[in-house]
């Protein structure tokens, strides 16, 4: 009974290991994401206040928070 349960759990966990990448292939991905964030930071800092202001105006319009 125990052996049968062991093999059932072991063989059901094997496909899950295919979804987890090895750490050596994860590091270049993390480095690429860090570079992307660093390169886009100046652009994001310049655009973000405008987008935020636009979003707040759209919400204000949709929610009709101003009285007429």
Protein backbone atom coordinates (compact mmCIF):
# COMPACT_ATOMS: atom_id res chain seq x y z
CA UNK A 1 0.00 0.00 0.00
CA UNK A 2 2.75 2.46 0.95
CA UNK A 3 4.79 1.66 -2.16
CA UNK A 4 1.78 2.21 -4.38
CA UNK A 5 1.10 5.58 -2.74
CA UNK A 6 4.78 6.54 -3.09
CA UNK A 7 4.83 5.81 -6.83
CA UNK A 8 1.53 7.63 -7.33
CA UNK A 9 2.86 10.78 -5.67
CA UNK A 10 6.25 10.51 -7.39
CA UNK A 11 4.85 10.13 -10.89
CA UNK A 12 2.28 12.86 -10.38
CA UNK A 13 5.02 15.30 -9.29
CA UNK A 14 7.30 14.63 -12.27
CA UNK A 15 5.33 16.77 -14.75
CA UNK A 16 5.42 19.67 -12.29
CA UNK A 17 9.21 19.76 -12.48
CA UNK A 18 8.97 20.54 -16.19
CA UNK A 19 7.35 23.90 -15.42
CA UNK A 20 10.12 25.06 -13.08
CA UNK A 21 13.14 26.34 -15.02
CA UNK A 22 16.61 25.59 -13.72
CA UNK A 23 18.28 28.46 -11.87
CA UNK A 24 21.02 28.87 -14.46
CA UNK A 25 18.43 29.77 -17.11
CA UNK A 26 16.50 31.99 -14.71
CA UNK A 27 19.45 34.32 -14.01
CA UNK A 28 19.74 35.73 -17.58
CA UNK A 29 16.00 36.37 -17.55
CA UNK A 30 16.25 38.30 -14.27
CA UNK A 31 19.22 40.30 -15.59
CA UNK A 32 17.29 41.18 -18.74
CA UNK A 33 14.29 42.34 -16.70
CA UNK A 34 16.55 44.48 -14.48
CA UNK A 35 18.14 46.09 -17.55
CA UNK A 36 14.73 46.75 -19.04
CA UNK A 37 13.52 48.43 -15.85
CA UNK A 38 16.67 50.56 -15.57
CA UNK A 39 16.49 51.69 -19.20
CA UNK A 40 12.81 52.55 -19.02
CA UNK A 41 13.00 54.34 -15.69
CA UNK A 42 13.72 57.82 -17.07
CA UNK A 43 10.93 57.53 -19.59
CA UNK A 44 8.53 56.16 -16.99
CA UNK A 45 9.33 58.90 -14.48
CA UNK A 46 8.58 61.53 -17.11
CA UNK A 47 5.37 59.95 -18.40
CA UNK A 48 3.89 58.56 -15.19
CA UNK A 49 2.62 61.86 -13.70
CA UNK A 50 0.84 62.64 -16.98
CA UNK A 51 -0.77 59.20 -17.12
CA UNK A 52 -1.79 59.46 -13.49
CA UNK A 53 -3.35 62.86 -14.05
CA UNK A 54 -5.20 61.58 -17.11
CA UNK A 55 -6.46 58.52 -15.20
CA UNK A 56 -7.71 60.69 -12.33
CA UNK A 57 -9.57 62.95 -14.77
CA UNK A 58 -11.19 59.94 -16.45
CA UNK A 59 -12.27 58.55 -13.08
CA UNK A 60 -13.58 61.96 -12.09
CA UNK A 61 -15.63 62.08 -15.28
CA UNK A 62 -16.94 58.53 -14.92
CA UNK A 63 -17.86 58.81 -11.28
CA UNK A 64 -19.27 62.32 -11.69
CA UNK A 65 -17.71 63.48 -8.46
CA UNK A 66 -18.24 67.13 -9.38
CA UNK A 67 -21.67 68.56 -8.81
CA UNK A 68 -23.33 70.54 -11.55
